[in-house]
Amino acid sequence: MGRNILDESRIHPAIRDKISRDNADIVLEVKAAVATHAVVVVGMAQNPFPRKARKALDALGTPYKYLEYGSYLSGWRRRNALKMWTGWGTFPMVFVRGTLIGGAHELQLLIADGSFKRMLVAGQTE
């Protein structure tokens, strides 16, 4: 999959460091959670879709790590770093075994067709 990202050679050297540090802490926190937990849901307050994803996981009895960043009224600049990192423009961002699967709708589709369970089982060591 090719995603349009401005080539680093087209970014002036004087601002490259600023770009790489811009809200890097939020990206590092999500990366750490994704590396540690089988299922991670990244959301924001006041948005009903992270709640839908969490409710679907709770109904299955699937443990997950939930990270919440701001609301509709705050934190949008910080959340922007996650959108740029993943290329996914909405919340929640649901990760299963390190793979971004999309949001609440995509999670529900994977649950319905059995793919979600297979993803969880495939990553287990016995």
C-alpha atoms as a PDB file:
ATOM      1  CA  MET A   1       0.000   0.000   0.000  1.00  0.00           C
ATOM      2  CA  GLY A   2       1.421   3.313  -0.975  1.00  0.00           C
ATOM      3  CA  ARG A   3       0.529   6.273   1.172  1.00  0.00           C
ATOM      4  CA  ASN A   4       1.288   9.803   0.113  1.00  0.00           C
ATOM      5  CA  ILE A   5       3.845  11.159   2.544  1.00  0.00           C
ATOM      6  CA  LEU A   6       6.078  14.090   1.750  1.00  0.00           C
ATOM      7  CA  ASP A   7       9.548  12.770   1.022  1.00  0.00           C
ATOM      8  CA  GLU A   8      12.045  13.795   3.697  1.00  0.00           C
ATOM      9  CA  SER A   9      14.284  15.301   0.997  1.00  0.00           C
ATOM     10  CA  ARG A  10      11.463  17.809   0.391  1.00  0.00           C
ATOM     11  CA  ILE A  11      11.499  18.981   4.012  1.00  0.00           C
ATOM     12  CA  HIS A  12      14.017  21.689   4.809  1.00  0.00           C
ATOM     13  CA  PRO A  13      16.719  20.416   7.206  1.00  0.00           C
ATOM     14  CA  ALA A  14      16.021  23.287   9.604  1.00  0.00           C
ATOM     15  CA  ILE A  15      12.535  21.927  10.422  1.00  0.00           C
ATOM     16  CA  ARG A  16      13.048  18.155  10.210  1.00  0.00           C
ATOM     17  CA  ASP A  17      13.832  17.848  13.910  1.00  0.00           C
ATOM     18  CA  LYS A  18      10.796  19.948  14.856  1.00  0.00           C
ATOM     19  CA  ILE A  19       8.565  17.724  12.734  1.00  0.00           C
ATOM     20  CA  SER A  20       9.970  14.522  14.224  1.00  0.00           C
ATOM     21  CA  ARG A  21       9.509  15.794  17.809  1.00  0.00           C
ATOM     22  CA  ASP A  22       6.042  17.300  17.351  1.00  0.00           C
ATOM     23  CA  ASN A  23       3.842  15.435  19.842  1.00  0.00           C
ATOM     24  CA  ALA A  24       6.139  12.434  19.592  1.00  0.00           C
ATOM     25  CA  ASP A  25       5.265  11.477  23.185  1.00  0.00           C
ATOM     26  CA  ILE A  26       1.696  10.559  22.261  1.00  0.00           C
ATOM     27  CA  VAL A  27       2.895   8.351  19.390  1.00  0.00           C
ATOM     28  CA  LEU A  28       5.491   6.686  21.632  1.00  0.00           C
ATOM     29  CA  GLU A  29       2.838   6.012  24.284  1.00  0.00           C
ATOM     30  CA  VAL A  30       0.545   4.330  21.756  1.00  0.00           C
ATOM     31  CA  LYS A  31       3.457   2.355  20.254  1.00  0.00           C
ATOM     32  CA  ALA A  32       4.379   1.099  23.731  1.00  0.00           C
ATOM     33  CA  ALA A  33       0.782   0.062  24.458  1.00  0.00           C
ATOM     34  CA  VAL A  34       0.500  -1.714  21.096  1.00  0.00           C
ATOM     35  CA  ALA A  35       3.738  -3.600  21.807  1.00  0.00           C
ATOM     36  CA  THR A  36       2.508  -4.653  25.264  1.00  0.00           C
ATOM     37  CA  HIS A  37      -1.199  -5.416  24.814  1.00  0.00           C
ATOM     38  CA  ALA A  38      -2.989  -7.701  22.360  1.00  0.00           C
ATOM     39  CA  VAL A  39      -5.783  -5.168  21.840  1.00  0.00           C
ATOM     40  CA  VAL A  40      -5.491  -1.394  22.145  1.00  0.00           C
ATOM     41  CA  VAL A  41      -8.264   1.140  21.646  1.00  0.00           C
ATOM     42  CA  VAL A  42      -7.255   4.774  21.244  1.00  0.00           C
ATOM     43  CA  GLY A  43     -10.098   7.212  21.714  1.00  0.00           C
ATOM     44  CA  MET A  44     -11.256  10.569  22.879  1.00  0.00           C
ATOM     45  CA  ALA A  45     -13.897  11.810  25.313  1.00  0.00           C
ATOM     46  CA  GLN A  46     -17.357  12.737  24.025  1.00  0.00           C
ATOM     47  CA  ASN A  47     -16.975  10.524  20.951  1.00  0.00           C
ATOM     48  CA  PRO A  48     -19.486   7.646  20.972  1.00  0.00           C
ATOM     49  CA  PHE A  49     -17.459   5.395  18.664  1.00  0.00           C
ATOM     50  CA  PRO A  50     -14.658   4.534  21.119  1.00  0.00           C
ATOM     51  CA  ARG A  51     -17.434   3.528  23.533  1.00  0.00           C
ATOM     52  CA  LYS A  52     -18.962   1.286  20.867  1.00  0.00           C
ATOM     53  CA  ALA A  53     -15.621  -0.430  20.276  1.00  0.00           C
ATOM     54  CA  ARG A  54     -15.058  -0.937  23.993  1.00  0.00           C
ATOM     55  CA  LYS A  55     -18.611  -2.237  24.460  1.00  0.00           C
ATOM     56  CA  ALA A  56     -18.067  -4.796  21.672  1.00  0.00           C
ATOM     57  CA  LEU A  57     -14.811  -5.956  23.292  1.00  0.00           C
ATOM     58  CA  ASP A  58     -16.434  -6.101  26.727  1.00  0.00           C
ATOM     59  CA  ALA A  59     -19.259  -8.243  25.310  1.00  0.00           C
ATOM     60  CA  LEU A  60     -16.653 -10.727  24.064  1.00  0.00           C
ATOM     61  CA  GLY A  61     -14.763 -10.646  27.348  1.00  0.00           C
ATOM     62  CA  THR A  62     -11.656  -9.491  25.485  1.00  0.00           C
ATOM     63  CA  PRO A  63      -9.179  -7.534  27.597  1.00  0.00           C
ATOM     64  CA  TYR A  64      -7.833  -4.352  26.045  1.00  0.00           C
ATOM     65  CA  LYS A  65      -5.841  -1.256  26.866  1.00  0.00           C
ATOM     66  CA  TYR A  66      -7.734   2.002  26.435  1.00  0.00           C
ATOM     67  CA  LEU A  67      -5.935   5.284  25.869  1.00  0.00           C
ATOM     68  CA  GLU A  68      -7.922   8.500  25.760  1.00  0.00           C
ATOM     69  CA  TYR A  69      -6.618  11.798  24.432  1.00  0.00           C
ATOM     70  CA  GLY A  70      -8.681  14.937  24.849  1.00  0.00           C
ATOM     71  CA  SER A  71     -12.185  15.559  23.586  1.00  0.00           C
ATOM     72  CA  TYR A  72     -13.911  17.366  20.773  1.00  0.00           C
ATOM     73  CA  LEU A  73     -13.004  20.564  22.600  1.00  0.00           C
ATOM     74  CA  SER A  74      -9.391  19.815  23.517  1.00  0.00           C
ATOM     75  CA  GLY A  75      -6.355  17.836  22.471  1.00  0.00           C
ATOM     76  CA  TRP A  76      -6.947  17.875  18.722  1.00  0.00           C
ATOM     77  CA  ARG A  77      -3.400  19.015  17.937  1.00  0.00           C
ATOM     78  CA  ARG A  78      -1.933  16.147  19.946  1.00  0.00           C
ATOM     79  CA  ARG A  79      -4.314  13.637  18.354  1.00  0.00           C
ATOM     80  CA  ASN A  80      -3.238  14.925  14.959  1.00  0.00           C
ATOM     81  CA  ALA A  81       0.161  13.267  15.510  1.00  0.00           C
ATOM     82  CA  LEU A  82      -1.603   9.899  15.777  1.00  0.00           C
ATOM     83  CA  LYS A  83      -3.594  10.549  12.632  1.00  0.00           C
ATOM     84  CA  MET A  84      -0.432  11.415  10.718  1.00  0.00           C
ATOM     85  CA  TRP A  85       1.427   8.401  12.123  1.00  0.00           C
ATOM     86  CA  THR A  86      -1.290   5.876  11.273  1.00  0.00           C
ATOM     87  CA  GLY A  87      -2.951   7.509   8.301  1.00  0.00           C
ATOM     88  CA  TRP A  88      -6.295   6.778  10.004  1.00  0.00           C
ATOM     89  CA  GLY A  89      -8.295   9.975  10.320  1.00  0.00           C
ATOM     90  CA  THR A  90     -10.892   9.088  12.947  1.00  0.00           C
ATOM     91  CA  PHE A  91     -11.231   7.703  16.454  1.00  0.00           C
ATOM     92  CA  PRO A  92     -11.156   5.141  17.768  1.00  0.00           C
ATOM     93  CA  MET A  93      -8.046   3.567  16.419  1.00  0.00           C
ATOM     94  CA  VAL A  94      -8.194  -0.138  17.212  1.00  0.00           C
ATOM     95  CA  PHE A  95      -5.020  -2.230  17.144  1.00  0.00           C
ATOM     96  CA  VAL A  96      -5.037  -6.029  17.304  1.00  0.00           C
ATOM     97  CA  ARG A  97      -1.719  -7.804  17.770  1.00  0.00           C
ATOM     98  CA  GLY A  98       0.083  -4.673  16.582  1.00  0.00           C
ATOM     99  CA  THR A  99      -2.040  -4.164  13.477  1.00  0.00           C
ATOM    100  CA  LEU A 100      -4.316  -1.180  13.010  1.00  0.00           C
ATOM    101  CA  ILE A 101      -7.652  -2.661  12.016  1.00  0.00           C
ATOM    102  CA  GLY A 102      -9.565   0.634  11.790  1.00  0.00           C
ATOM    103  CA  GLY A 103     -12.295   1.921  14.070  1.00  0.00           C
ATOM    104  CA  ALA A 104     -15.446   0.659  15.770  1.00  0.00           C
ATOM    105  CA  HIS A 105     -17.181  -0.226  12.509  1.00  0.00           C
ATOM    106  CA  GLU A 106     -14.246  -2.259  11.206  1.00  0.00           C
ATOM    107  CA  LEU A 107     -13.911  -4.001  14.582  1.00  0.00           C
ATOM    108  CA  GLN A 108     -17.568  -5.017  14.458  1.00  0.00           C
ATOM    109  CA  LEU A 109     -17.129  -6.376  10.924  1.00  0.00           C
ATOM    110  CA  LEU A 110     -14.105  -8.452  11.992  1.00  0.00           C
ATOM    111  CA  ILE A 111     -15.993  -9.767  15.015  1.00  0.00           C
ATOM    112  CA  ALA A 112     -18.975 -10.708  12.849  1.00  0.00           C
ATOM    113  CA  ASP A 113     -16.954 -12.660  10.289  1.00  0.00           C
ATOM    114  CA  GLY A 114     -14.721 -14.381  12.873  1.00  0.00           C
ATOM    115  CA  SER A 115     -11.522 -12.623  11.776  1.00  0.00           C
ATOM    116  CA  PHE A 116     -11.080 -10.850  15.093  1.00  0.00           C
ATOM    117  CA  LYS A 117     -10.984 -14.095  17.062  1.00  0.00           C
ATOM    118  CA  ARG A 118      -8.567 -15.627  14.542  1.00  0.00           C
ATOM    119  CA  MET A 119      -6.266 -12.601  14.848  1.00  0.00           C
ATOM    120  CA  LEU A 120      -6.190 -12.984  18.622  1.00  0.00           C
ATOM    121  CA  VAL A 121      -5.583 -16.724  18.546  1.00  0.00           C
ATOM    122  CA  ALA A 122      -2.940 -16.504  15.797  1.00  0.00           C
ATOM    123  CA  GLY A 123      -0.807 -14.253  17.977  1.00  0.00           C
ATOM    124  CA  GLN A 124      -0.855 -16.494  21.036  1.00  0.00           C
ATOM    125  CA  THR A 125       2.076 -18.701  21.904  1.00  0.00           C
ATOM    126  CA  GLU A 126       1.332 -22.075  23.409  1.00  0.00           C
END
